[in-house]
């Protein structure tokens, strides 16, 4: 079922903000591991299943920052009631 133009624009808006949040999460996770903050790099790479811990950390960050970016985008919209579309 094809989407109407308004729904397509809203979906593109949300997916754009989601992509920004996911990119921020990947960057922050890389910085946390790269700079060895809280000894995360040691905890991850010295364990047998450390890759699973890194994957779970990344998943949690993506969910958190993706949701945050989408929420900021939606809350940043101005109320368009009462305005004409000209």
C-alpha atoms as a PDB file:
ATOM      1  CA  UNK A   1       0.000   0.000   0.000  1.00  0.00           C
ATOM      2  CA  UNK A   2       1.605   3.280  -1.072  1.00  0.00           C
ATOM      3  CA  UNK A   3       1.959   6.098   1.428  1.00  0.00           C
ATOM      4  CA  UNK A   4       0.459   9.511   0.944  1.00  0.00           C
ATOM      5  CA  UNK A   5       2.976  12.384   0.557  1.00  0.00           C
ATOM      6  CA  UNK A   6       2.466  13.656   4.107  1.00  0.00           C
ATOM      7  CA  UNK A   7       3.176  10.229   5.630  1.00  0.00           C
ATOM      8  CA  UNK A   8       6.194   9.773   3.348  1.00  0.00           C
ATOM      9  CA  UNK A   9       7.620  13.126   4.467  1.00  0.00           C
ATOM     10  CA  UNK A  10       7.067  12.243   8.127  1.00  0.00           C
ATOM     11  CA  UNK A  11       8.765   8.881   7.665  1.00  0.00           C
ATOM     12  CA  UNK A  12      11.756  10.472   5.925  1.00  0.00           C
ATOM     13  CA  UNK A  13      11.962  13.035   8.735  1.00  0.00           C
ATOM     14  CA  UNK A  14      11.998  10.345  11.433  1.00  0.00           C
ATOM     15  CA  UNK A  15      14.426   8.058   9.594  1.00  0.00           C
ATOM     16  CA  UNK A  16      16.812  10.966   9.066  1.00  0.00           C
ATOM     17  CA  UNK A  17      16.842  11.712  12.774  1.00  0.00           C
ATOM     18  CA  UNK A  18      17.215   8.017  13.556  1.00  0.00           C
ATOM     19  CA  UNK A  19      20.274   7.830  11.289  1.00  0.00           C
ATOM     20  CA  UNK A  20      21.834  10.801  13.075  1.00  0.00           C
ATOM     21  CA  UNK A  21      21.216   9.172  16.464  1.00  0.00           C
ATOM     22  CA  UNK A  22      22.679   5.847  15.304  1.00  0.00           C
ATOM     23  CA  UNK A  23      25.782   7.567  13.947  1.00  0.00           C
ATOM     24  CA  UNK A  24      26.235   9.394  17.257  1.00  0.00           C
ATOM     25  CA  UNK A  25      25.868   6.104  19.141  1.00  0.00           C
ATOM     26  CA  UNK A  26      28.481   4.361  17.008  1.00  0.00           C
ATOM     27  CA  UNK A  27      30.856   7.295  17.420  1.00  0.00           C
ATOM     28  CA  UNK A  28      30.389   7.467  21.188  1.00  0.00           C
ATOM     29  CA  UNK A  29      30.769   3.712  21.600  1.00  0.00           C
ATOM     30  CA  UNK A  30      33.965   3.810  19.554  1.00  0.00           C
ATOM     31  CA  UNK A  31      35.305   6.640  21.676  1.00  0.00           C
ATOM     32  CA  UNK A  32      34.429   4.824  24.920  1.00  0.00           C
ATOM     33  CA  UNK A  33      36.268   1.713  23.794  1.00  0.00           C
ATOM     34  CA  UNK A  34      39.076   3.573  22.017  1.00  0.00           C
ATOM     35  CA  UNK A  35      39.986   5.773  24.961  1.00  0.00           C
ATOM     36  CA  UNK A  36      39.497   2.860  27.366  1.00  0.00           C
ATOM     37  CA  UNK A  37      37.158   4.845  29.594  1.00  0.00           C
ATOM     38  CA  UNK A  38      36.091   2.910  32.680  1.00  0.00           C
ATOM     39  CA  UNK A  39      38.457   0.143  31.473  1.00  0.00           C
ATOM     40  CA  UNK A  40      35.863  -0.971  28.914  1.00  0.00           C
ATOM     41  CA  UNK A  41      38.452  -1.980  26.320  1.00  0.00           C
ATOM     42  CA  UNK A  42      40.166  -4.248  28.831  1.00  0.00           C
ATOM     43  CA  UNK A  43      36.858  -5.761  29.909  1.00  0.00           C
ATOM     44  CA  UNK A  44      35.759  -6.392  26.327  1.00  0.00           C
ATOM     45  CA  UNK A  45      38.971  -7.696  24.761  1.00  0.00           C
ATOM     46  CA  UNK A  46      40.200  -9.800  27.669  1.00  0.00           C
ATOM     47  CA  UNK A  47      37.039 -11.913  27.854  1.00  0.00           C
ATOM     48  CA  UNK A  48      36.250 -14.940  25.731  1.00  0.00           C
ATOM     49  CA  UNK A  49      32.888 -13.516  24.659  1.00  0.00           C
ATOM     50  CA  UNK A  50      33.895  -9.877  24.787  1.00  0.00           C
ATOM     51  CA  UNK A  51      32.518  -9.269  21.311  1.00  0.00           C
ATOM     52  CA  UNK A  52      29.062 -10.013  22.714  1.00  0.00           C
ATOM     53  CA  UNK A  53      29.520  -7.384  25.414  1.00  0.00           C
ATOM     54  CA  UNK A  54      30.609  -4.860  22.778  1.00  0.00           C
ATOM     55  CA  UNK A  55      27.610  -5.732  20.614  1.00  0.00           C
ATOM     56  CA  UNK A  56      25.210  -5.330  23.530  1.00  0.00           C
ATOM     57  CA  UNK A  57      26.806  -2.010  24.473  1.00  0.00           C
ATOM     58  CA  UNK A  58      26.445  -0.786  20.897  1.00  0.00           C
ATOM     59  CA  UNK A  59      22.833  -1.991  20.695  1.00  0.00           C
ATOM     60  CA  UNK A  60      21.939  -0.169  23.908  1.00  0.00           C
ATOM     61  CA  UNK A  61      23.605   3.011  22.704  1.00  0.00           C
ATOM     62  CA  UNK A  62      21.850   2.844  19.305  1.00  0.00           C
ATOM     63  CA  UNK A  63      18.451   2.376  20.944  1.00  0.00           C
ATOM     64  CA  UNK A  64      19.088   5.215  23.385  1.00  0.00           C
ATOM     65  CA  UNK A  65      20.562   7.778  21.001  1.00  0.00           C
ATOM     66  CA  UNK A  66      18.280   6.842  18.104  1.00  0.00           C
ATOM     67  CA  UNK A  67      15.235   7.374  20.300  1.00  0.00           C
ATOM     68  CA  UNK A  68      16.685  10.580  21.680  1.00  0.00           C
ATOM     69  CA  UNK A  69      17.335  12.029  18.226  1.00  0.00           C
ATOM     70  CA  UNK A  70      13.844  11.117  17.021  1.00  0.00           C
ATOM     71  CA  UNK A  71      12.275  12.652  20.125  1.00  0.00           C
ATOM     72  CA  UNK A  72      14.264  15.852  19.746  1.00  0.00           C
ATOM     73  CA  UNK A  73      13.211  16.068  16.105  1.00  0.00           C
ATOM     74  CA  UNK A  74       9.532  15.594  16.878  1.00  0.00           C
ATOM     75  CA  UNK A  75       9.567  17.987  19.822  1.00  0.00           C
ATOM     76  CA  UNK A  76      11.374  20.566  17.707  1.00  0.00           C
ATOM     77  CA  UNK A  77       8.531  20.777  15.220  1.00  0.00           C
ATOM     78  CA  UNK A  78       6.520  23.948  15.406  1.00  0.00           C
ATOM     79  CA  UNK A  79       2.783  23.859  15.769  1.00  0.00           C
ATOM     80  CA  UNK A  80       1.328  24.495  12.325  1.00  0.00           C
ATOM     81  CA  UNK A  81      -2.297  24.863  13.379  1.00  0.00           C
ATOM     82  CA  UNK A  82      -3.823  28.108  12.298  1.00  0.00           C
ATOM     83  CA  UNK A  83      -1.297  28.744   9.537  1.00  0.00           C
ATOM     84  CA  UNK A  84      -2.204  28.766   5.899  1.00  0.00           C
ATOM     85  CA  UNK A  85      -0.087  26.665   3.532  1.00  0.00           C
ATOM     86  CA  UNK A  86       0.728  29.487   1.116  1.00  0.00           C
END
